[in-house]
Amino acid sequence: MYKKNFDFIVDKAKQAQKPVRVVIAGADCENILRGAFEAQAAGFVELYLAGNEGRITDMLKNLSLISRKYTVCPVADDQNVVQFAIDMIHAGKADVLMRGNTQTRDFLLPIVDKKNDLVEESKLLTQVTMVKFPDYDRVLSVSDVTICVRPDQNRRKKVIQNMAGLLTTLGYEKPNIALLALTEQPAFHMPDTIEAQNIVRDHTEKPIANCNLVGPLSYDLIVSKEAARLKGYDASSLSGEFDGIVVPDLLSGNLLIKVLQMNGKASSCGVIVGAKIPIAITSRSDTKEQSFLSLAACAALHMG
């Protein structure tokens, strides 16, 4: 059964027997704090705010959150706040890592550092962004839009596995996933279309994940049955019914998400999958809703 909105994520998060402990690395970030405290009010997170104590306290006062329940974990400006947060998780003091006021690169480097043992050798770290916009009647997941710059064929298979695993954990029975390309016709001068064709063929012979997989496929054929009718495309009956899109490279994925957010009135949330712990990743310019939903997804993932 497909999901029409984000309620299924929040409902699953609220089923947790106790709140998950979230450490925000660089917690002096306005909308991330707003969303995190909404998640706390909903009952599925316990908050640990790591970073500059003075800046965090001032922001909590400005946001009228100073009297709420939380734990400030002071980190000096010359310390690596992300490493501090990871150390808390290794010490058993937190369950979920969340990006706060840090650059994306600075946030990711300690996560992939082998000494921190957060990513298994056989796994690939990827981000999945889930979006809901008015012109599509279901939640649509897109990956990878943050980490994998230009994944090869084998890495794209792992991106598919991560997305399918996430969606299955969140309650999908067998998600429909499309491999995005410029055209649905494989062409040798566009290697990603050939790779998509090969991946689907391999999946048909031996499933690489619990999903229905179609590709290569252009964006209009992914989201619109009418576009499929007008173009005479009948290779798949899933046009307009996809739950996920795996993109060929970081630029196309990031651009797709930004356009949907900025011009398509999309609401969204992002999580990193492939690690041993749930990781919430949000932009410092994201809304409090995105922060809230990312934590809901991580709480649901922590339940398994």
C-alpha atoms as a PDB file:
ATOM      1  CA  MET A   1       0.000   0.000   0.000  1.00  0.00           C
ATOM      2  CA  TYR A   2       1.385   3.384  -0.976  1.00  0.00           C
ATOM      3  CA  LYS A   3       1.611   6.325   1.432  1.00  0.00           C
ATOM      4  CA  LYS A   4      -0.340   9.506   0.707  1.00  0.00           C
ATOM      5  CA  ASN A   5       1.390  11.725   3.272  1.00  0.00           C
ATOM      6  CA  PHE A   6       3.918  11.656   6.107  1.00  0.00           C
ATOM      7  CA  ASP A   7       1.437  10.518   8.766  1.00  0.00           C
ATOM      8  CA  PHE A   8       2.666   6.935   8.469  1.00  0.00           C
ATOM      9  CA  ILE A   9       6.167   7.973   9.580  1.00  0.00           C
ATOM     10  CA  VAL A  10       4.935   9.958  12.578  1.00  0.00           C
ATOM     11  CA  ASP A  11       2.513   7.207  13.583  1.00  0.00           C
ATOM     12  CA  LYS A  12       5.297   4.617  13.522  1.00  0.00           C
ATOM     13  CA  ALA A  13       7.622   6.889  15.534  1.00  0.00           C
ATOM     14  CA  LYS A  14       4.942   7.300  18.193  1.00  0.00           C
ATOM     15  CA  GLN A  15       4.740   3.523  18.596  1.00  0.00           C
ATOM     16  CA  ALA A  16       8.173   3.463  20.268  1.00  0.00           C
ATOM     17  CA  GLN A  17       8.040   2.151  23.826  1.00  0.00           C
ATOM     18  CA  LYS A  18      10.343   4.938  24.959  1.00  0.00           C
ATOM     19  CA  PRO A  19      11.787   8.070  23.314  1.00  0.00           C
ATOM     20  CA  VAL A  20      14.971   7.661  21.289  1.00  0.00           C
ATOM     21  CA  ARG A  21      17.912   9.715  22.504  1.00  0.00           C
ATOM     22  CA  VAL A  22      18.934  12.228  19.837  1.00  0.00           C
ATOM     23  CA  VAL A  23      22.197  14.167  19.917  1.00  0.00           C
ATOM     24  CA  ILE A  24      22.212  17.250  17.686  1.00  0.00           C
ATOM     25  CA  ALA A  25      25.722  18.095  16.527  1.00  0.00           C
ATOM     26  CA  GLY A  26      25.867  21.896  16.513  1.00  0.00           C
ATOM     27  CA  ALA A  27      22.494  22.541  18.107  1.00  0.00           C
ATOM     28  CA  ASP A  28      22.536  26.334  17.670  1.00  0.00           C
ATOM     29  CA  CYS A  29      20.304  26.146  14.602  1.00  0.00           C
ATOM     30  CA  GLU A  30      16.867  27.748  14.776  1.00  0.00           C
ATOM     31  CA  ASN A  31      14.508  25.598  12.719  1.00  0.00           C
ATOM     32  CA  ILE A  32      16.302  22.385  13.605  1.00  0.00           C
ATOM     33  CA  LEU A  33      15.684  23.193  17.267  1.00  0.00           C
ATOM     34  CA  ARG A  34      12.054  24.090  16.609  1.00  0.00           C
ATOM     35  CA  GLY A  35      11.443  20.802  14.841  1.00  0.00           C
ATOM     36  CA  ALA A  36      13.373  18.792  17.426  1.00  0.00           C
ATOM     37  CA  PHE A  37      11.298  20.191  20.276  1.00  0.00           C
ATOM     38  CA  GLU A  38       8.118  19.413  18.333  1.00  0.00           C
ATOM     39  CA  ALA A  39       9.354  15.818  18.101  1.00  0.00           C
ATOM     40  CA  GLN A  40      10.001  15.892  21.840  1.00  0.00           C
ATOM     41  CA  ALA A  41       6.480  17.200  22.461  1.00  0.00           C
ATOM     42  CA  ALA A  42       5.135  14.353  20.310  1.00  0.00           C
ATOM     43  CA  GLY A  43       6.850  11.968  22.708  1.00  0.00           C
ATOM     44  CA  PHE A  44       9.296  10.076  20.504  1.00  0.00           C
ATOM     45  CA  VAL A  45      12.648  11.814  21.172  1.00  0.00           C
ATOM     46  CA  GLU A  46      14.827  12.859  24.095  1.00  0.00           C
ATOM     47  CA  LEU A  47      17.148  15.757  23.242  1.00  0.00           C
ATOM     48  CA  TYR A  48      20.881  16.242  23.787  1.00  0.00           C
ATOM     49  CA  LEU A  49      22.123  19.548  22.437  1.00  0.00           C
ATOM     50  CA  ALA A  50      25.840  19.471  21.615  1.00  0.00           C
ATOM     51  CA  GLY A  51      27.773  22.601  20.771  1.00  0.00           C
ATOM     52  CA  ASN A  52      28.631  26.058  22.073  1.00  0.00           C
ATOM     53  CA  GLU A  53      26.683  26.325  25.328  1.00  0.00           C
ATOM     54  CA  GLY A  54      26.315  30.089  25.185  1.00  0.00           C
ATOM     55  CA  ARG A  55      24.945  30.169  21.649  1.00  0.00           C
ATOM     56  CA  ILE A  56      22.593  27.259  22.325  1.00  0.00           C
ATOM     57  CA  THR A  57      21.257  28.847  25.515  1.00  0.00           C
ATOM     58  CA  ASP A  58      20.757  32.238  23.845  1.00  0.00           C
ATOM     59  CA  MET A  59      18.868  30.609  20.984  1.00  0.00           C
ATOM     60  CA  LEU A  60      16.674  28.612  23.358  1.00  0.00           C
ATOM     61  CA  LYS A  61      15.802  31.845  25.152  1.00  0.00           C
ATOM     62  CA  ASN A  62      15.007  33.617  21.876  1.00  0.00           C
ATOM     63  CA  LEU A  63      12.787  30.736  20.800  1.00  0.00           C
ATOM     64  CA  SER A  64      11.056  30.550  24.202  1.00  0.00           C
ATOM     65  CA  LEU A  65      12.286  26.978  24.618  1.00  0.00           C
ATOM     66  CA  ILE A  66      14.590  27.523  27.568  1.00  0.00           C
ATOM     67  CA  SER A  67      12.163  25.989  30.063  1.00  0.00           C
ATOM     68  CA  ARG A  68      11.679  22.784  28.071  1.00  0.00           C
ATOM     69  CA  LYS A  69      13.336  19.481  28.944  1.00  0.00           C
ATOM     70  CA  TYR A  70      16.745  18.876  27.320  1.00  0.00           C
ATOM     71  CA  THR A  71      20.415  18.339  28.107  1.00  0.00           C
ATOM     72  CA  VAL A  72      23.065  20.754  26.865  1.00  0.00           C
ATOM     73  CA  CYS A  73      26.395  19.055  26.112  1.00  0.00           C
ATOM     74  CA  PRO A  74      29.033  21.843  25.975  1.00  0.00           C
ATOM     75  CA  VAL A  75      31.588  21.537  23.175  1.00  0.00           C
ATOM     76  CA  ALA A  76      34.380  24.071  22.737  1.00  0.00           C
ATOM     77  CA  ASP A  77      34.601  25.812  19.367  1.00  0.00           C
ATOM     78  CA  ASP A  78      37.981  24.218  18.702  1.00  0.00           C
ATOM     79  CA  GLN A  79      36.546  20.715  19.241  1.00  0.00           C
ATOM     80  CA  ASN A  80      34.902  18.624  16.519  1.00  0.00           C
ATOM     81  CA  VAL A  81      31.250  18.692  17.554  1.00  0.00           C
ATOM     82  CA  VAL A  82      30.287  15.828  15.224  1.00  0.00           C
ATOM     83  CA  GLN A  83      32.995  13.593  16.657  1.00  0.00           C
ATOM     84  CA  PHE A  84      31.825  14.567  20.144  1.00  0.00           C
ATOM     85  CA  ALA A  85      28.284  13.463  19.243  1.00  0.00           C
ATOM     86  CA  ILE A  86      29.520  10.181  17.761  1.00  0.00           C
ATOM     87  CA  ASP A  87      31.535   9.534  20.918  1.00  0.00           C
ATOM     88  CA  MET A  88      28.326   9.990  22.920  1.00  0.00           C
ATOM     89  CA  ILE A  89      26.647   7.333  20.796  1.00  0.00           C
ATOM     90  CA  HIS A  90      29.573   4.940  21.213  1.00  0.00           C
ATOM     91  CA  ALA A  91      29.417   5.543  24.967  1.00  0.00           C
ATOM     92  CA  GLY A  92      25.756   4.491  24.983  1.00  0.00           C
ATOM     93  CA  LYS A  93      24.481   7.977  25.830  1.00  0.00           C
ATOM     94  CA  ALA A  94      22.540   8.557  22.581  1.00  0.00           C
ATOM     95  CA  ASP A  95      20.860   6.525  19.840  1.00  0.00           C
ATOM     96  CA  VAL A  96      20.429   8.892  16.894  1.00  0.00           C
ATOM     97  CA  LEU A  97      22.763  11.463  15.331  1.00  0.00           C
ATOM     98  CA  MET A  98      21.340  14.670  13.859  1.00  0.00           C
ATOM     99  CA  ARG A  99      23.047  17.368  11.853  1.00  0.00           C
ATOM    100  CA  GLY A 100      22.777  20.850  13.297  1.00  0.00           C
ATOM    101  CA  ASN A 101      24.822  23.949  12.518  1.00  0.00           C
ATOM    102  CA  THR A 102      27.608  22.194  10.602  1.00  0.00           C
ATOM    103  CA  GLN A 103      28.731  22.104   6.989  1.00  0.00           C
ATOM    104  CA  THR A 104      27.634  18.960   5.137  1.00  0.00           C
ATOM    105  CA  ARG A 105      31.241  17.885   4.525  1.00  0.00           C
ATOM    106  CA  ASP A 106      32.192  18.416   8.176  1.00  0.00           C
ATOM    107  CA  PHE A 107      29.196  16.385   9.261  1.00  0.00           C
ATOM    108  CA  LEU A 108      29.861  13.465   6.923  1.00  0.00           C
ATOM    109  CA  LEU A 109      33.629  13.055   7.333  1.00  0.00           C
ATOM    110  CA  PRO A 110      33.554  11.689  10.912  1.00  0.00           C
ATOM    111  CA  ILE A 111      30.653   9.408   9.971  1.00  0.00           C
ATOM    112  CA  VAL A 112      32.640   7.713   7.196  1.00  0.00           C
ATOM    113  CA  ASP A 113      35.885   7.694   9.207  1.00  0.00           C
ATOM    114  CA  LYS A 114      36.686   3.994   9.666  1.00  0.00           C
ATOM    115  CA  LYS A 115      37.856   4.527  13.241  1.00  0.00           C
ATOM    116  CA  ASN A 116      34.271   5.398  14.206  1.00  0.00           C
ATOM    117  CA  ASP A 117      32.983   2.085  12.840  1.00  0.00           C
ATOM    118  CA  LEU A 118      29.599   3.465  11.805  1.00  0.00           C
ATOM    119  CA  VAL A 119      29.482   1.939   8.314  1.00  0.00           C
ATOM    120  CA  GLU A 120      29.894  -1.760   7.565  1.00  0.00           C
ATOM    121  CA  GLU A 121      32.369  -2.695   4.827  1.00  0.00           C
ATOM    122  CA  SER A 122      29.653  -4.175   2.615  1.00  0.00           C
ATOM    123  CA  LYS A 123      27.314  -1.194   2.986  1.00  0.00           C
ATOM    124  CA  LEU A 124      27.159   2.135   1.184  1.00  0.00           C
ATOM    125  CA  LEU A 125      26.211   5.327   2.990  1.00  0.00           C
ATOM    126  CA  THR A 126      23.447   7.166   1.125  1.00  0.00           C
ATOM    127  CA  GLN A 127      20.801   9.775   1.785  1.00  0.00           C
ATOM    128  CA  VAL A 128      17.127   9.318   1.056  1.00  0.00           C
ATOM    129  CA  THR A 129      14.929  12.402   0.851  1.00  0.00           C
ATOM    130  CA  MET A 130      11.191  11.809   1.075  1.00  0.00           C
ATOM    131  CA  VAL A 131       9.015  14.481  -0.522  1.00  0.00           C
ATOM    132  CA  LYS A 132       5.295  15.199  -0.813  1.00  0.00           C
ATOM    133  CA  PHE A 133       4.094  17.755  -3.320  1.00  0.00           C
ATOM    134  CA  PRO A 134       0.588  18.745  -4.479  1.00  0.00           C
ATOM    135  CA  ASP A 135       0.714  17.267  -7.988  1.00  0.00           C
ATOM    136  CA  TYR A 136       1.598  13.725  -6.889  1.00  0.00           C
ATOM    137  CA  ASP A 137      -0.740  11.677  -4.729  1.00  0.00           C
ATOM    138  CA  ARG A 138       1.898   9.792  -2.748  1.00  0.00           C
ATOM    139  CA  VAL A 139       5.143  10.312  -0.873  1.00  0.00           C
ATOM    140  CA  LEU A 140       8.075  10.098  -3.285  1.00  0.00           C
ATOM    141  CA  SER A 141      11.572   9.164  -2.091  1.00  0.00           C
ATOM    142  CA  VAL A 142      14.696  10.309  -3.962  1.00  0.00           C
ATOM    143  CA  SER A 143      18.264   9.040  -3.557  1.00  0.00           C
ATOM    144  CA  ASP A 144      21.088   9.928  -3.446  1.00  0.00           C
ATOM    145  CA  VAL A 145      21.095  13.708  -3.245  1.00  0.00           C
ATOM    146  CA  THR A 146      23.930  14.368  -0.783  1.00  0.00           C
ATOM    147  CA  ILE A 147      26.696  11.764  -0.682  1.00  0.00           C
ATOM    148  CA  CYS A 148      27.279   9.689  -3.852  1.00  0.00           C
ATOM    149  CA  VAL A 149      28.517  12.040  -6.564  1.00  0.00           C
ATOM    150  CA  ARG A 150      28.369   9.648  -9.515  1.00  0.00           C
ATOM    151  CA  PRO A 151      27.732   6.063  -8.403  1.00  0.00           C
ATOM    152  CA  ASP A 152      28.749   3.274 -10.738  1.00  0.00           C
ATOM    153  CA  GLN A 153      26.461   0.368 -11.547  1.00  0.00           C
ATOM    154  CA  ASN A 154      27.321  -1.637  -8.432  1.00  0.00           C
ATOM    155  CA  ARG A 155      26.942   1.385  -6.162  1.00  0.00           C
ATOM    156  CA  ARG A 156      23.572   2.212  -7.701  1.00  0.00           C
ATOM    157  CA  LYS A 157      22.442  -1.275  -6.728  1.00  0.00           C
ATOM    158  CA  LYS A 158      23.383  -0.479  -3.133  1.00  0.00           C
ATOM    159  CA  VAL A 159      21.494   2.823  -3.352  1.00  0.00           C
ATOM    160  CA  ILE A 160      18.434   0.814  -4.439  1.00  0.00           C
ATOM    161  CA  GLN A 161      18.944  -1.635  -1.561  1.00  0.00           C
ATOM    162  CA  ASN A 162      19.178   1.232   0.939  1.00  0.00           C
ATOM    163  CA  MET A 163      16.032   2.901  -0.367  1.00  0.00           C
ATOM    164  CA  ALA A 164      14.034  -0.328  -0.506  1.00  0.00           C
ATOM    165  CA  GLY A 165      15.226  -1.272   2.977  1.00  0.00           C
ATOM    166  CA  LEU A 166      14.214   2.092   4.398  1.00  0.00           C
ATOM    167  CA  LEU A 167      10.773   2.023   2.786  1.00  0.00           C
ATOM    168  CA  THR A 168      10.162  -1.567   3.891  1.00  0.00           C
ATOM    169  CA  THR A 169      11.099  -0.667   7.468  1.00  0.00           C
ATOM    170  CA  LEU A 170       8.685   2.259   7.319  1.00  0.00           C
ATOM    171  CA  GLY A 171       5.811   0.012   6.297  1.00  0.00           C
ATOM    172  CA  TYR A 172       5.835  -0.432   2.505  1.00  0.00           C
ATOM    173  CA  GLU A 173       5.174  -4.001   1.357  1.00  0.00           C
ATOM    174  CA  LYS A 174       7.018  -3.829  -1.983  1.00  0.00           C
ATOM    175  CA  PRO A 175       7.844  -0.277  -3.106  1.00  0.00           C
ATOM    176  CA  ASN A 176       7.905   0.751  -6.761  1.00  0.00           C
ATOM    177  CA  ILE A 177      11.306   2.261  -7.616  1.00  0.00           C
ATOM    178  CA  ALA A 178      12.322   3.954 -10.866  1.00  0.00           C
ATOM    179  CA  LEU A 179      15.813   4.561 -12.240  1.00  0.00           C
ATOM    180  CA  LEU A 180      15.810   8.154 -13.490  1.00  0.00           C
ATOM    181  CA  ALA A 181      17.348   8.955 -16.878  1.00  0.00           C
ATOM    182  CA  LEU A 182      16.961  11.491 -19.657  1.00  0.00           C
ATOM    183  CA  THR A 183      15.090   8.970 -21.766  1.00  0.00           C
ATOM    184  CA  GLU A 184      13.465   5.579 -21.429  1.00  0.00           C
ATOM    185  CA  GLN A 185      15.371   4.360 -24.491  1.00  0.00           C
ATOM    186  CA  PRO A 186      18.843   2.986 -23.626  1.00  0.00           C
ATOM    187  CA  ALA A 187      21.552   4.720 -25.666  1.00  0.00           C
ATOM    188  CA  PHE A 188      25.282   4.062 -25.705  1.00  0.00           C
ATOM    189  CA  HIS A 189      26.126   7.779 -25.688  1.00  0.00           C
ATOM    190  CA  MET A 190      24.274   8.027 -22.340  1.00  0.00           C
ATOM    191  CA  PRO A 191      25.983   5.403 -20.145  1.00  0.00           C
ATOM    192  CA  ASP A 192      23.547   5.824 -17.243  1.00  0.00           C
ATOM    193  CA  THR A 193      20.704   4.519 -19.448  1.00  0.00           C
ATOM    194  CA  ILE A 194      22.695   1.386 -20.284  1.00  0.00           C
ATOM    195  CA  GLU A 195      23.558   0.921 -16.612  1.00  0.00           C
ATOM    196  CA  ALA A 196      19.890   1.296 -15.659  1.00  0.00           C
ATOM    197  CA  GLN A 197      18.914  -1.312 -18.234  1.00  0.00           C
ATOM    198  CA  ASN A 198      21.585  -3.680 -16.892  1.00  0.00           C
ATOM    199  CA  ILE A 199      20.486  -3.175 -13.281  1.00  0.00           C
ATOM    200  CA  VAL A 200      16.849  -3.913 -14.101  1.00  0.00           C
ATOM    201  CA  ARG A 201      17.880  -7.001 -16.072  1.00  0.00           C
ATOM    202  CA  ASP A 202      19.974  -8.227 -13.130  1.00  0.00           C
ATOM    203  CA  HIS A 203      17.095  -7.510 -10.755  1.00  0.00           C
ATOM    204  CA  THR A 204      14.728  -9.531 -12.953  1.00  0.00           C
ATOM    205  CA  GLU A 205      17.107 -12.502 -12.907  1.00  0.00           C
ATOM    206  CA  LYS A 206      17.873 -12.238  -9.196  1.00  0.00           C
ATOM    207  CA  PRO A 207      16.148  -9.541  -7.087  1.00  0.00           C
ATOM    208  CA  ILE A 208      18.650  -7.140  -5.545  1.00  0.00           C
ATOM    209  CA  ALA A 209      16.079  -5.681  -3.136  1.00  0.00           C
ATOM    210  CA  ASN A 210      12.460  -6.046  -2.063  1.00  0.00           C
ATOM    211  CA  CYS A 211      10.978  -3.754  -4.699  1.00  0.00           C
ATOM    212  CA  ASN A 212       9.530  -3.454  -8.175  1.00  0.00           C
ATOM    213  CA  LEU A 213      12.245  -1.859 -10.302  1.00  0.00           C
ATOM    214  CA  VAL A 214      11.834  -0.056 -13.641  1.00  0.00           C
ATOM    215  CA  GLY A 215      14.332   1.860 -15.750  1.00  0.00           C
ATOM    216  CA  PRO A 216      15.692   3.760 -17.449  1.00  0.00           C
ATOM    217  CA  LEU A 217      12.762   6.142 -17.144  1.00  0.00           C
ATOM    218  CA  SER A 218      12.336   9.869 -17.700  1.00  0.00           C
ATOM    219  CA  TYR A 219      10.814  12.002 -14.954  1.00  0.00           C
ATOM    220  CA  ASP A 220       7.510  12.623 -16.724  1.00  0.00           C
ATOM    221  CA  LEU A 221       6.952   8.893 -17.169  1.00  0.00           C
ATOM    222  CA  ILE A 222       7.737   8.321 -13.508  1.00  0.00           C
ATOM    223  CA  VAL A 223       5.155  10.724 -12.092  1.00  0.00           C
ATOM    224  CA  SER A 224       2.417  10.885 -14.735  1.00  0.00           C
ATOM    225  CA  LYS A 225       0.131   8.244 -16.222  1.00  0.00           C
ATOM    226  CA  GLU A 226      -1.112  10.857 -18.675  1.00  0.00           C
ATOM    227  CA  ALA A 227       2.430  11.482 -19.923  1.00  0.00           C
ATOM    228  CA  ALA A 228       2.833   7.742 -20.429  1.00  0.00           C
ATOM    229  CA  ARG A 229      -0.424   7.635 -22.414  1.00  0.00           C
ATOM    230  CA  LEU A 230       0.489  10.586 -24.600  1.00  0.00           C
ATOM    231  CA  LYS A 231       3.945   9.182 -25.343  1.00  0.00           C
ATOM    232  CA  GLY A 232       2.617   5.708 -26.005  1.00  0.00           C
ATOM    233  CA  TYR A 233       4.748   4.240 -23.253  1.00  0.00           C
ATOM    234  CA  ASP A 234       3.450   0.865 -22.166  1.00  0.00           C
ATOM    235  CA  ALA A 235       6.607  -0.926 -21.019  1.00  0.00           C
ATOM    236  CA  SER A 236       5.432  -0.511 -17.429  1.00  0.00           C
ATOM    237  CA  SER A 237       2.059  -0.108 -15.763  1.00  0.00           C
ATOM    238  CA  LEU A 238       3.666   1.804 -12.869  1.00  0.00           C
ATOM    239  CA  SER A 239       3.825   5.337 -14.307  1.00  0.00           C
ATOM    240  CA  GLY A 240       2.305   7.660 -11.718  1.00  0.00           C
ATOM    241  CA  GLU A 241       2.600   4.951  -9.065  1.00  0.00           C
ATOM    242  CA  PHE A 242       6.257   5.102  -8.090  1.00  0.00           C
ATOM    243  CA  ASP A 243       7.324   5.378  -4.458  1.00  0.00           C
ATOM    244  CA  GLY A 244      11.000   6.071  -5.126  1.00  0.00           C
ATOM    245  CA  ILE A 245      13.449   7.483  -7.664  1.00  0.00           C
ATOM    246  CA  VAL A 246      17.107   6.504  -7.822  1.00  0.00           C
ATOM    247  CA  VAL A 247      19.021   9.234  -9.639  1.00  0.00           C
ATOM    248  CA  PRO A 248      22.146   8.732 -11.791  1.00  0.00           C
ATOM    249  CA  ASP A 249      24.243  11.386 -10.060  1.00  0.00           C
ATOM    250  CA  LEU A 250      24.323  13.901  -7.229  1.00  0.00           C
ATOM    251  CA  LEU A 251      23.585  16.958  -9.377  1.00  0.00           C
ATOM    252  CA  SER A 252      20.365  15.606 -10.862  1.00  0.00           C
ATOM    253  CA  GLY A 253      19.149  14.382  -7.481  1.00  0.00           C
ATOM    254  CA  ASN A 254      19.974  17.574  -5.616  1.00  0.00           C
ATOM    255  CA  LEU A 255      18.475  19.718  -8.364  1.00  0.00           C
ATOM    256  CA  LEU A 256      15.287  17.649  -8.432  1.00  0.00           C
ATOM    257  CA  ILE A 257      14.800  17.980  -4.675  1.00  0.00           C
ATOM    258  CA  LYS A 258      15.576  21.720  -4.629  1.00  0.00           C
ATOM    259  CA  VAL A 259      13.106  22.430  -7.458  1.00  0.00           C
ATOM    260  CA  LEU A 260      10.366  20.425  -5.740  1.00  0.00           C
ATOM    261  CA  GLN A 261      11.052  22.198  -2.438  1.00  0.00           C
ATOM    262  CA  MET A 262      11.446  25.736  -3.760  1.00  0.00           C
ATOM    263  CA  ASN A 263       8.993  25.759  -6.660  1.00  0.00           C
ATOM    264  CA  GLY A 264       6.797  22.709  -6.206  1.00  0.00           C
ATOM    265  CA  LYS A 265       5.646  23.489  -2.658  1.00  0.00           C
ATOM    266  CA  ALA A 266       7.017  20.151  -1.477  1.00  0.00           C
ATOM    267  CA  SER A 267       7.376  19.175   2.140  1.00  0.00           C
ATOM    268  CA  SER A 268      10.254  16.803   2.785  1.00  0.00           C
ATOM    269  CA  CYS A 269      12.545  15.046   5.208  1.00  0.00           C
ATOM    270  CA  GLY A 270      15.969  13.480   4.831  1.00  0.00           C
ATOM    271  CA  VAL A 271      17.718  10.555   6.496  1.00  0.00           C
ATOM    272  CA  ILE A 272      21.047   8.847   5.963  1.00  0.00           C
ATOM    273  CA  VAL A 273      20.857   5.081   5.599  1.00  0.00           C
ATOM    274  CA  GLY A 274      23.521   2.411   5.376  1.00  0.00           C
ATOM    275  CA  ALA A 275      25.038   3.265   8.770  1.00  0.00           C
ATOM    276  CA  LYS A 276      24.725   1.277  11.983  1.00  0.00           C
ATOM    277  CA  ILE A 277      22.665   4.075  13.529  1.00  0.00           C
ATOM    278  CA  PRO A 278      19.847   6.286  12.206  1.00  0.00           C
ATOM    279  CA  ILE A 279      21.148   9.674  11.066  1.00  0.00           C
ATOM    280  CA  ALA A 280      18.950  12.730  10.500  1.00  0.00           C
ATOM    281  CA  ILE A 281      20.332  15.191   7.989  1.00  0.00           C
ATOM    282  CA  THR A 282      18.677  18.523   7.385  1.00  0.00           C
ATOM    283  CA  SER A 283      19.831  21.754   5.827  1.00  0.00           C
ATOM    284  CA  ARG A 284      20.218  24.797   8.038  1.00  0.00           C
ATOM    285  CA  SER A 285      17.682  26.512   5.779  1.00  0.00           C
ATOM    286  CA  ASP A 286      15.112  23.710   6.111  1.00  0.00           C
ATOM    287  CA  THR A 287      11.789  24.284   7.825  1.00  0.00           C
ATOM    288  CA  LYS A 288      10.986  23.039  11.320  1.00  0.00           C
ATOM    289  CA  GLU A 289       8.647  20.510   9.687  1.00  0.00           C
ATOM    290  CA  GLN A 290      11.575  18.947   7.834  1.00  0.00           C
ATOM    291  CA  SER A 291      13.510  18.673  11.079  1.00  0.00           C
ATOM    292  CA  PHE A 292      10.514  17.121  12.840  1.00  0.00           C
ATOM    293  CA  LEU A 293       9.870  14.594  10.074  1.00  0.00           C
ATOM    294  CA  SER A 294      13.534  13.606   9.782  1.00  0.00           C
ATOM    295  CA  LEU A 295      13.561  12.770  13.483  1.00  0.00           C
ATOM    296  CA  ALA A 296      10.292  10.860  13.129  1.00  0.00           C
ATOM    297  CA  ALA A 297      11.866   8.759  10.358  1.00  0.00           C
ATOM    298  CA  CYS A 298      14.969   8.130  12.493  1.00  0.00           C
ATOM    299  CA  ALA A 299      12.837   7.145  15.490  1.00  0.00           C
ATOM    300  CA  ALA A 300      10.945   4.709  13.260  1.00  0.00           C
ATOM    301  CA  LEU A 301      14.224   3.295  11.923  1.00  0.00           C
ATOM    302  CA  HIS A 302      15.596   2.864  15.434  1.00  0.00           C
ATOM    303  CA  MET A 303      12.587   0.666  16.226  1.00  0.00           C
ATOM    304  CA  GLY A 304      13.476  -1.504  13.212  1.00  0.00           C
END
